[in-house]
Amino acid sequence: FEAVDRYRVRYKEKGVYENRLYPGMKELLEALKSAGVKLSVSTSKPTVFTEKILKQNGIFELFDQIVGANLDGSMTDKTEVMQEAMRRAGGKENNTFFMVGDRSFDMIGAKNCGVPGIGVYFGFAEPGELEEAGADYTVETTEELKTLLMKLVTEAED
């Protein structure tokens, strides 16, 4: 656990300030929010760090909920975090969920939770990683993601 502690100290002091939004991401989130979509963050990062990152990037208020890992080491598994976010949102019987992520863990979590996984290649995924992990859709840009999400949200409402 010493490595985790060292990582968290460094992340708290420097790492949280090294995050930047992808071009077009704030506009995408605003468009979804304007369309009535409830937005959640489900992350394996500790919630306290996640909230700080969202605030410093000016998008914290766009999210209805933020669910992340606990500093005590609990709830670090992506599936567990997603299940908690879905529970807080009222469950699958009352909502339509999509998981947008840039790593295999996100797509595996989506599959485990029975929701469509949308893999984004403007993040950290290696070529083919998202498809191998079972992504239902993949996109290369935030504009492609916006188009896909608006289409899926419209279809879910019908």
N, C-alpha and C. Protein backbone atom coordinates (compact mmCIF):
# COMPACT_ATOMS: atom_id res chain seq x y z
N PHE A 1 0.81 -1.20 0.00
CA PHE A 1 0.00 0.00 0.00
C PHE A 1 0.85 1.26 0.00
N GLU A 2 2.16 1.12 0.23
CA GLU A 2 3.03 2.29 0.23
C GLU A 2 3.02 2.98 -1.14
N ALA A 3 2.99 2.19 -2.22
CA ALA A 3 2.95 2.77 -3.57
C ALA A 3 1.68 3.58 -3.78
N VAL A 4 0.54 3.07 -3.30
CA VAL A 4 -0.72 3.79 -3.42
C VAL A 4 -0.65 5.10 -2.64
N ASP A 5 -0.09 5.05 -1.44
CA ASP A 5 0.03 6.25 -0.62
C ASP A 5 0.91 7.30 -1.30
N ARG A 6 2.02 6.86 -1.87
CA ARG A 6 2.92 7.79 -2.57
C ARG A 6 2.23 8.40 -3.79
N TYR A 7 1.50 7.57 -4.52
CA TYR A 7 0.76 8.05 -5.69
C TYR A 7 -0.25 9.12 -5.27
N ARG A 8 -0.98 8.85 -4.21
CA ARG A 8 -2.01 9.80 -3.77
C ARG A 8 -1.41 11.11 -3.30
N VAL A 9 -0.28 11.05 -2.61
CA VAL A 9 0.37 12.28 -2.17
C VAL A 9 0.78 13.10 -3.39
N ARG A 10 1.41 12.46 -4.36
CA ARG A 10 1.83 13.17 -5.57
C ARG A 10 0.62 13.69 -6.34
N TYR A 11 -0.43 12.86 -6.43
CA TYR A 11 -1.63 13.26 -7.17
C TYR A 11 -2.31 14.45 -6.49
N LYS A 12 -2.36 14.44 -5.18
CA LYS A 12 -2.99 15.54 -4.42
C LYS A 12 -2.23 16.84 -4.63
N GLU A 13 -0.88 16.75 -4.67
CA GLU A 13 -0.05 17.95 -4.78
C GLU A 13 0.10 18.44 -6.22
N LYS A 14 0.17 17.52 -7.18
CA LYS A 14 0.45 17.91 -8.57
C LYS A 14 -0.54 17.35 -9.58
N GLY A 15 -0.87 16.07 -9.43
CA GLY A 15 -1.66 15.38 -10.44
C GLY A 15 -3.02 16.00 -10.74
N VAL A 16 -3.68 16.49 -9.70
CA VAL A 16 -5.01 17.08 -9.92
C VAL A 16 -4.93 18.34 -10.78
N TYR A 17 -3.77 18.96 -10.83
CA TYR A 17 -3.60 20.18 -11.63
C TYR A 17 -3.13 19.90 -13.05
N GLU A 18 -2.85 18.65 -13.36
CA GLU A 18 -2.34 18.27 -14.68
C GLU A 18 -3.44 17.81 -15.63
N ASN A 19 -4.68 17.90 -15.21
CA ASN A 19 -5.81 17.45 -16.03
C ASN A 19 -6.36 18.60 -16.85
N ARG A 20 -6.68 18.33 -18.10
CA ARG A 20 -7.28 19.32 -19.00
C ARG A 20 -8.45 18.66 -19.71
N LEU A 21 -9.46 19.46 -20.01
CA LEU A 21 -10.59 18.95 -20.79
C LEU A 21 -10.17 18.75 -22.23
N TYR A 22 -10.73 17.75 -22.85
CA TYR A 22 -10.52 17.57 -24.28
C TYR A 22 -11.29 18.66 -25.01
N PRO A 23 -10.77 19.11 -26.15
CA PRO A 23 -11.47 20.16 -26.90
C PRO A 23 -12.92 19.75 -27.20
N GLY A 24 -13.84 20.67 -26.90
CA GLY A 24 -15.26 20.42 -27.17
C GLY A 24 -16.00 19.69 -26.07
N MET A 25 -15.30 19.24 -25.03
CA MET A 25 -15.96 18.44 -23.99
C MET A 25 -16.93 19.26 -23.16
N LYS A 26 -16.55 20.46 -22.76
CA LYS A 26 -17.47 21.28 -21.97
C LYS A 26 -18.75 21.56 -22.76
N GLU A 27 -18.60 21.88 -24.03
CA GLU A 27 -19.76 22.16 -24.89
C GLU A 27 -20.63 20.92 -25.04
N LEU A 28 -20.01 19.76 -25.14
CA LEU A 28 -20.75 18.50 -25.23
C LEU A 28 -21.57 18.28 -23.96
N LEU A 29 -20.95 18.45 -22.82
CA LEU A 29 -21.65 18.26 -21.55
C LEU A 29 -22.80 19.27 -21.40
N GLU A 30 -22.56 20.50 -21.80
CA GLU A 30 -23.61 21.52 -21.73
C GLU A 30 -24.78 21.18 -22.65
N ALA A 31 -24.49 20.67 -23.83
CA ALA A 31 -25.54 20.29 -24.77
C ALA A 31 -26.38 19.14 -24.21
N LEU A 32 -25.72 18.16 -23.63
CA LEU A 32 -26.44 17.04 -23.02
C LEU A 32 -27.30 17.52 -21.86
N LYS A 33 -26.75 18.36 -21.02
CA LYS A 33 -27.49 18.89 -19.88
C LYS A 33 -28.71 19.68 -20.36
N SER A 34 -28.53 20.49 -21.40
CA SER A 34 -29.63 21.27 -21.97
C SER A 34 -30.72 20.38 -22.55
N ALA A 35 -30.32 19.19 -23.01
CA ALA A 35 -31.27 18.23 -23.56
C ALA A 35 -31.97 17.43 -22.46
N GLY A 36 -31.65 17.73 -21.20
CA GLY A 36 -32.30 17.05 -20.09
C GLY A 36 -31.64 15.77 -19.63
N VAL A 37 -30.45 15.51 -20.12
CA VAL A 37 -29.72 14.30 -19.74
C VAL A 37 -29.12 14.49 -18.34
N LYS A 38 -29.27 13.50 -17.49
CA LYS A 38 -28.63 13.51 -16.19
C LYS A 38 -27.23 12.94 -16.35
N LEU A 39 -26.25 13.67 -15.91
CA LEU A 39 -24.86 13.28 -16.09
C LEU A 39 -24.24 12.82 -14.77
N SER A 40 -23.52 11.72 -14.84
CA SER A 40 -22.83 11.17 -13.68
C SER A 40 -21.38 10.90 -14.02
N VAL A 41 -20.54 10.98 -13.02
CA VAL A 41 -19.16 10.54 -13.15
C VAL A 41 -19.04 9.26 -12.34
N SER A 42 -18.50 8.22 -12.96
CA SER A 42 -18.18 6.96 -12.30
C SER A 42 -16.70 6.71 -12.54
N THR A 43 -15.90 6.88 -11.51
CA THR A 43 -14.46 6.79 -11.68
C THR A 43 -13.80 5.98 -10.58
N SER A 44 -12.68 5.39 -10.92
CA SER A 44 -11.88 4.68 -9.93
C SER A 44 -10.96 5.63 -9.18
N LYS A 45 -10.90 6.89 -9.61
CA LYS A 45 -10.15 7.90 -8.87
C LYS A 45 -10.92 8.22 -7.59
N PRO A 46 -10.22 8.60 -6.54
CA PRO A 46 -10.93 9.02 -5.34
C PRO A 46 -11.88 10.20 -5.62
N THR A 47 -13.05 10.17 -5.03
CA THR A 47 -14.07 11.20 -5.26
C THR A 47 -13.52 12.59 -4.95
N VAL A 48 -12.78 12.73 -3.88
CA VAL A 48 -12.27 14.05 -3.49
C VAL A 48 -11.39 14.65 -4.59
N PHE A 49 -10.57 13.85 -5.24
CA PHE A 49 -9.73 14.34 -6.33
C PHE A 49 -10.57 14.66 -7.56
N THR A 50 -11.53 13.80 -7.83
CA THR A 50 -12.39 13.98 -9.00
C THR A 50 -13.17 15.29 -8.89
N GLU A 51 -13.74 15.54 -7.73
CA GLU A 51 -14.50 16.79 -7.54
C GLU A 51 -13.61 18.01 -7.76
N LYS A 52 -12.40 17.95 -7.27
CA LYS A 52 -11.47 19.07 -7.44
C LYS A 52 -11.15 19.30 -8.92
N ILE A 53 -10.92 18.22 -9.65
CA ILE A 53 -10.62 18.32 -11.09
C ILE A 53 -11.81 18.92 -11.84
N LEU A 54 -13.01 18.45 -11.53
CA LEU A 54 -14.20 18.97 -12.20
C LEU A 54 -14.41 20.44 -11.89
N LYS A 55 -14.19 20.84 -10.65
CA LYS A 55 -14.35 22.25 -10.27
C LYS A 55 -13.34 23.14 -10.97
N GLN A 56 -12.08 22.73 -11.00
CA GLN A 56 -11.06 23.59 -11.61
C GLN A 56 -11.23 23.67 -13.13
N ASN A 57 -11.95 22.73 -13.71
CA ASN A 57 -12.21 22.79 -15.15
C ASN A 57 -13.59 23.40 -15.47
N GLY A 58 -14.28 23.86 -14.44
CA GLY A 58 -15.54 24.57 -14.63
C GLY A 58 -16.70 23.71 -15.09
N ILE A 59 -16.69 22.43 -14.75
CA ILE A 59 -17.78 21.55 -15.19
C ILE A 59 -18.45 20.80 -14.04
N PHE A 60 -18.04 21.06 -12.82
CA PHE A 60 -18.60 20.36 -11.66
C PHE A 60 -20.12 20.47 -11.62
N GLU A 61 -20.63 21.66 -11.84
CA GLU A 61 -22.07 21.90 -11.73
C GLU A 61 -22.89 21.21 -12.80
N LEU A 62 -22.26 20.69 -13.84
CA LEU A 62 -22.99 20.00 -14.90
C LEU A 62 -23.38 18.57 -14.52
N PHE A 63 -22.76 18.05 -13.47
CA PHE A 63 -22.99 16.66 -13.09
C PHE A 63 -24.01 16.55 -11.97
N ASP A 64 -24.90 15.59 -12.12
CA ASP A 64 -25.92 15.32 -11.11
C ASP A 64 -25.34 14.53 -9.95
N GLN A 65 -24.32 13.74 -10.24
CA GLN A 65 -23.67 12.98 -9.17
C GLN A 65 -22.27 12.59 -9.60
N ILE A 66 -21.44 12.41 -8.58
CA ILE A 66 -20.06 12.01 -8.79
C ILE A 66 -19.80 10.84 -7.84
N VAL A 67 -19.45 9.70 -8.42
CA VAL A 67 -19.18 8.51 -7.62
C VAL A 67 -17.77 8.05 -7.97
N GLY A 68 -16.95 7.98 -6.94
CA GLY A 68 -15.57 7.54 -7.14
C GLY A 68 -15.14 6.63 -6.01
N ALA A 69 -13.88 6.32 -6.05
CA ALA A 69 -13.29 5.46 -5.02
C ALA A 69 -13.23 6.22 -3.70
N ASN A 70 -13.21 5.46 -2.63
CA ASN A 70 -13.05 6.04 -1.30
C ASN A 70 -11.57 6.00 -0.93
N LEU A 71 -11.13 6.97 -0.16
CA LEU A 71 -9.71 7.02 0.23
C LEU A 71 -9.28 5.84 1.09
N ASP A 72 -10.24 5.14 1.67
CA ASP A 72 -9.90 3.96 2.48
C ASP A 72 -9.64 2.72 1.63
N GLY A 73 -9.68 2.89 0.30
CA GLY A 73 -9.40 1.78 -0.60
C GLY A 73 -10.63 1.00 -1.03
N SER A 74 -11.79 1.39 -0.53
CA SER A 74 -13.02 0.69 -0.93
C SER A 74 -13.60 1.33 -2.18
N MET A 75 -14.39 0.57 -2.86
CA MET A 75 -15.09 0.95 -4.08
C MET A 75 -14.13 1.47 -5.16
N THR A 76 -13.13 0.67 -5.48
CA THR A 76 -12.18 1.05 -6.52
C THR A 76 -12.45 0.33 -7.84
N ASP A 77 -13.26 -0.70 -7.81
CA ASP A 77 -13.58 -1.47 -9.01
C ASP A 77 -14.61 -0.70 -9.85
N LYS A 78 -14.36 -0.57 -11.14
CA LYS A 78 -15.23 0.21 -12.03
C LYS A 78 -16.67 -0.29 -11.99
N THR A 79 -16.87 -1.59 -12.00
CA THR A 79 -18.24 -2.14 -11.96
C THR A 79 -18.94 -1.69 -10.68
N GLU A 80 -18.26 -1.80 -9.57
CA GLU A 80 -18.84 -1.41 -8.28
C GLU A 80 -19.19 0.08 -8.26
N VAL A 81 -18.32 0.91 -8.80
CA VAL A 81 -18.57 2.35 -8.86
C VAL A 81 -19.77 2.64 -9.75
N MET A 82 -19.84 1.99 -10.90
CA MET A 82 -20.96 2.19 -11.82
C MET A 82 -22.28 1.74 -11.19
N GLN A 83 -22.24 0.59 -10.52
CA GLN A 83 -23.46 0.10 -9.87
C GLN A 83 -23.97 1.09 -8.83
N GLU A 84 -23.06 1.69 -8.10
CA GLU A 84 -23.46 2.68 -7.08
C GLU A 84 -24.04 3.93 -7.75
N ALA A 85 -23.42 4.39 -8.83
CA ALA A 85 -23.94 5.56 -9.55
C ALA A 85 -25.34 5.27 -10.10
N MET A 86 -25.52 4.09 -10.64
CA MET A 86 -26.82 3.70 -11.18
C MET A 86 -27.86 3.61 -10.06
N ARG A 87 -27.47 3.08 -8.93
CA ARG A 87 -28.38 2.98 -7.78
C ARG A 87 -28.81 4.37 -7.34
N ARG A 88 -27.84 5.27 -7.22
CA ARG A 88 -28.15 6.64 -6.78
C ARG A 88 -29.06 7.37 -7.78
N ALA A 89 -28.94 7.02 -9.04
CA ALA A 89 -29.74 7.67 -10.08
C ALA A 89 -31.15 7.10 -10.18
N GLY A 90 -31.43 6.04 -9.46
CA GLY A 90 -32.77 5.47 -9.48
C GLY A 90 -32.88 4.14 -10.18
N GLY A 91 -31.76 3.59 -10.63
CA GLY A 91 -31.76 2.25 -11.21
C GLY A 91 -32.16 2.18 -12.67
N LYS A 92 -31.88 1.02 -13.26
CA LYS A 92 -32.13 0.80 -14.69
C LYS A 92 -33.61 0.80 -15.04
N GLU A 93 -34.46 0.46 -14.08
CA GLU A 93 -35.89 0.44 -14.39
C GLU A 93 -36.45 1.85 -14.59
N ASN A 94 -35.74 2.87 -14.12
CA ASN A 94 -36.21 4.25 -14.24
C ASN A 94 -35.36 5.12 -15.16
N ASN A 95 -34.29 4.57 -15.70
CA ASN A 95 -33.34 5.37 -16.48
C ASN A 95 -32.73 4.55 -17.61
N THR A 96 -32.16 5.27 -18.56
CA THR A 96 -31.33 4.66 -19.59
C THR A 96 -29.90 5.11 -19.31
N PHE A 97 -28.98 4.17 -19.25
CA PHE A 97 -27.59 4.49 -18.94
C PHE A 97 -26.69 4.16 -20.12
N PHE A 98 -25.61 4.95 -20.23
CA PHE A 98 -24.52 4.70 -21.16
C PHE A 98 -23.23 4.94 -20.39
N MET A 99 -22.22 4.15 -20.67
CA MET A 99 -20.91 4.38 -20.07
C MET A 99 -20.00 4.91 -21.16
N VAL A 100 -19.43 6.08 -20.95
CA VAL A 100 -18.45 6.64 -21.87
C VAL A 100 -17.11 6.56 -21.19
N GLY A 101 -16.15 5.93 -21.84
CA GLY A 101 -14.84 5.80 -21.23
C GLY A 101 -13.75 5.56 -22.23
N ASP A 102 -12.52 5.68 -21.74
CA ASP A 102 -11.37 5.57 -22.64
C ASP A 102 -10.45 4.40 -22.33
N ARG A 103 -10.90 3.49 -21.47
CA ARG A 103 -10.07 2.34 -21.16
C ARG A 103 -10.90 1.07 -21.13
N SER A 104 -10.23 -0.07 -21.19
CA SER A 104 -10.91 -1.37 -21.18
C SER A 104 -11.75 -1.54 -19.92
N PHE A 105 -11.26 -1.02 -18.78
CA PHE A 105 -11.99 -1.15 -17.52
C PHE A 105 -13.39 -0.54 -17.62
N ASP A 106 -13.50 0.56 -18.38
CA ASP A 106 -14.80 1.22 -18.55
C ASP A 106 -15.75 0.35 -19.34
N MET A 107 -15.24 -0.29 -20.39
CA MET A 107 -16.09 -1.14 -21.22
C MET A 107 -16.48 -2.43 -20.48
N ILE A 108 -15.55 -2.96 -19.70
CA ILE A 108 -15.85 -4.14 -18.89
C ILE A 108 -16.92 -3.79 -17.85
N GLY A 109 -16.78 -2.64 -17.21
CA GLY A 109 -17.77 -2.18 -16.25
C GLY A 109 -19.14 -2.04 -16.89
N ALA A 110 -19.17 -1.48 -18.10
CA ALA A 110 -20.44 -1.33 -18.82
C ALA A 110 -21.08 -2.69 -19.06
N LYS A 111 -20.30 -3.64 -19.54
CA LYS A 111 -20.83 -4.99 -19.79
C LYS A 111 -21.35 -5.62 -18.50
N ASN A 112 -20.56 -5.50 -17.44
CA ASN A 112 -20.96 -6.08 -16.16
C ASN A 112 -22.25 -5.46 -15.61
N CYS A 113 -22.50 -4.21 -15.97
CA CYS A 113 -23.71 -3.51 -15.51
C CYS A 113 -24.85 -3.60 -16.52
N GLY A 114 -24.59 -4.22 -17.66
CA GLY A 114 -25.64 -4.39 -18.66
C GLY A 114 -26.03 -3.10 -19.37
N VAL A 115 -25.05 -2.20 -19.56
CA VAL A 115 -25.33 -0.95 -20.26
C VAL A 115 -24.39 -0.81 -21.46
N PRO A 116 -24.81 -0.06 -22.49
CA PRO A 116 -23.94 0.13 -23.64
C PRO A 116 -22.66 0.88 -23.25
N GLY A 117 -21.55 0.40 -23.77
CA GLY A 117 -20.26 1.05 -23.55
C GLY A 117 -19.84 1.81 -24.78
N ILE A 118 -19.50 3.08 -24.60
CA ILE A 118 -19.04 3.94 -25.69
C ILE A 118 -17.57 4.25 -25.43
N GLY A 119 -16.71 3.69 -26.25
CA GLY A 119 -15.28 3.90 -26.10
C GLY A 119 -14.82 5.10 -26.87
N VAL A 120 -14.00 5.92 -26.23
CA VAL A 120 -13.47 7.12 -26.88
C VAL A 120 -11.97 6.96 -27.09
N TYR A 121 -11.55 7.18 -28.32
CA TYR A 121 -10.13 7.06 -28.65
C TYR A 121 -9.39 8.37 -28.55
N PHE A 122 -10.01 9.40 -27.96
CA PHE A 122 -9.26 10.62 -27.70
C PHE A 122 -8.74 10.62 -26.26
N GLY A 123 -8.77 9.47 -25.63
CA GLY A 123 -8.25 9.32 -24.28
C GLY A 123 -6.96 8.52 -24.30
N PHE A 124 -6.88 7.54 -23.41
CA PHE A 124 -5.63 6.80 -23.21
C PHE A 124 -5.62 5.38 -23.77
N ALA A 125 -6.69 4.97 -24.43
CA ALA A 125 -6.77 3.59 -24.94
C ALA A 125 -5.76 3.33 -26.05
N GLU A 126 -5.23 2.14 -26.03
CA GLU A 126 -4.36 1.66 -27.11
C GLU A 126 -5.25 1.23 -28.27
N PRO A 127 -4.74 1.24 -29.50
CA PRO A 127 -5.55 0.79 -30.64
C PRO A 127 -6.11 -0.62 -30.40
N GLY A 128 -7.40 -0.78 -30.59
CA GLY A 128 -8.06 -2.07 -30.44
C GLY A 128 -8.49 -2.41 -29.02
N GLU A 129 -8.00 -1.69 -28.04
CA GLU A 129 -8.30 -1.99 -26.63
C GLU A 129 -9.79 -1.95 -26.33
N LEU A 130 -10.47 -0.94 -26.83
CA LEU A 130 -11.88 -0.75 -26.50
C LEU A 130 -12.76 -1.82 -27.14
N GLU A 131 -12.46 -2.15 -28.38
CA GLU A 131 -13.21 -3.21 -29.05
C GLU A 131 -12.99 -4.56 -28.39
N GLU A 132 -11.74 -4.85 -28.04
CA GLU A 132 -11.43 -6.11 -27.37
C GLU A 132 -12.15 -6.23 -26.03
N ALA A 133 -12.39 -5.09 -25.38
CA ALA A 133 -13.07 -5.10 -24.08
C ALA A 133 -14.59 -5.07 -24.24
N GLY A 134 -15.08 -5.07 -25.48
CA GLY A 134 -16.52 -5.17 -25.70
C GLY A 134 -17.26 -3.87 -25.91
N ALA A 135 -16.58 -2.81 -26.32
CA ALA A 135 -17.26 -1.54 -26.58
C ALA A 135 -18.37 -1.75 -27.61
N ASP A 136 -19.54 -1.18 -27.32
CA ASP A 136 -20.64 -1.25 -28.27
C ASP A 136 -20.48 -0.22 -29.38
N TYR A 137 -19.81 0.87 -29.06
CA TYR A 137 -19.53 1.94 -30.02
C TYR A 137 -18.15 2.47 -29.71
N THR A 138 -17.48 3.02 -30.73
CA THR A 138 -16.24 3.75 -30.51
C THR A 138 -16.29 5.03 -31.34
N VAL A 139 -15.66 6.06 -30.80
CA VAL A 139 -15.57 7.34 -31.49
C VAL A 139 -14.15 7.87 -31.37
N GLU A 140 -13.81 8.74 -32.30
CA GLU A 140 -12.45 9.32 -32.34
C GLU A 140 -12.39 10.74 -31.79
N THR A 141 -13.51 11.48 -31.80
CA THR A 141 -13.50 12.89 -31.40
C THR A 141 -14.69 13.21 -30.50
N THR A 142 -14.61 14.34 -29.82
CA THR A 142 -15.74 14.77 -29.00
C THR A 142 -16.95 15.09 -29.88
N GLU A 143 -16.72 15.56 -31.08
CA GLU A 143 -17.84 15.85 -31.99
C GLU A 143 -18.57 14.56 -32.37
N GLU A 144 -17.81 13.51 -32.67
CA GLU A 144 -18.43 12.20 -32.96
C GLU A 144 -19.20 11.69 -31.74
N LEU A 145 -18.63 11.89 -30.56
CA LEU A 145 -19.29 11.47 -29.33
C LEU A 145 -20.60 12.22 -29.13
N LYS A 146 -20.58 13.51 -29.37
CA LYS A 146 -21.79 14.33 -29.23
C LYS A 146 -22.87 13.84 -30.18
N THR A 147 -22.52 13.62 -31.42
CA THR A 147 -23.49 13.13 -32.42
C THR A 147 -24.08 11.80 -31.98
N LEU A 148 -23.23 10.87 -31.56
CA LEU A 148 -23.70 9.55 -31.14
C LEU A 148 -24.59 9.64 -29.91
N LEU A 149 -24.16 10.39 -28.90
CA LEU A 149 -24.96 10.48 -27.68
C LEU A 149 -26.32 11.14 -27.93
N MET A 150 -26.34 12.19 -28.71
CA MET A 150 -27.62 12.85 -29.00
C MET A 150 -28.55 11.88 -29.73
N LYS A 151 -28.01 11.08 -30.63
CA LYS A 151 -28.80 10.08 -31.34
C LYS A 151 -29.33 9.03 -30.37
N LEU A 152 -28.46 8.51 -29.51
CA LEU A 152 -28.86 7.47 -28.56
C LEU A 152 -29.87 8.00 -27.54
N VAL A 153 -29.70 9.22 -27.10
CA VAL A 153 -30.64 9.82 -26.14
C VAL A 153 -32.01 9.99 -26.79
N THR A 154 -32.02 10.45 -28.02
CA THR A 154 -33.28 10.62 -28.76
C THR A 154 -34.00 9.28 -28.95
N GLU A 155 -33.22 8.25 -29.33
CA GLU A 155 -33.80 6.91 -29.50
C GLU A 155 -34.33 6.37 -28.18
N ALA A 156 -33.65 6.63 -27.07
CA ALA A 156 -34.08 6.13 -25.77
C ALA A 156 -35.38 6.78 -25.32
N GLU A 157 -35.62 8.01 -25.77
CA GLU A 157 -36.84 8.73 -25.40
C GLU A 157 -38.05 8.22 -26.18
N ASP A 158 -37.80 7.66 -27.34
CA ASP A 158 -38.92 7.18 -28.20
C ASP A 158 -39.49 5.86 -27.73
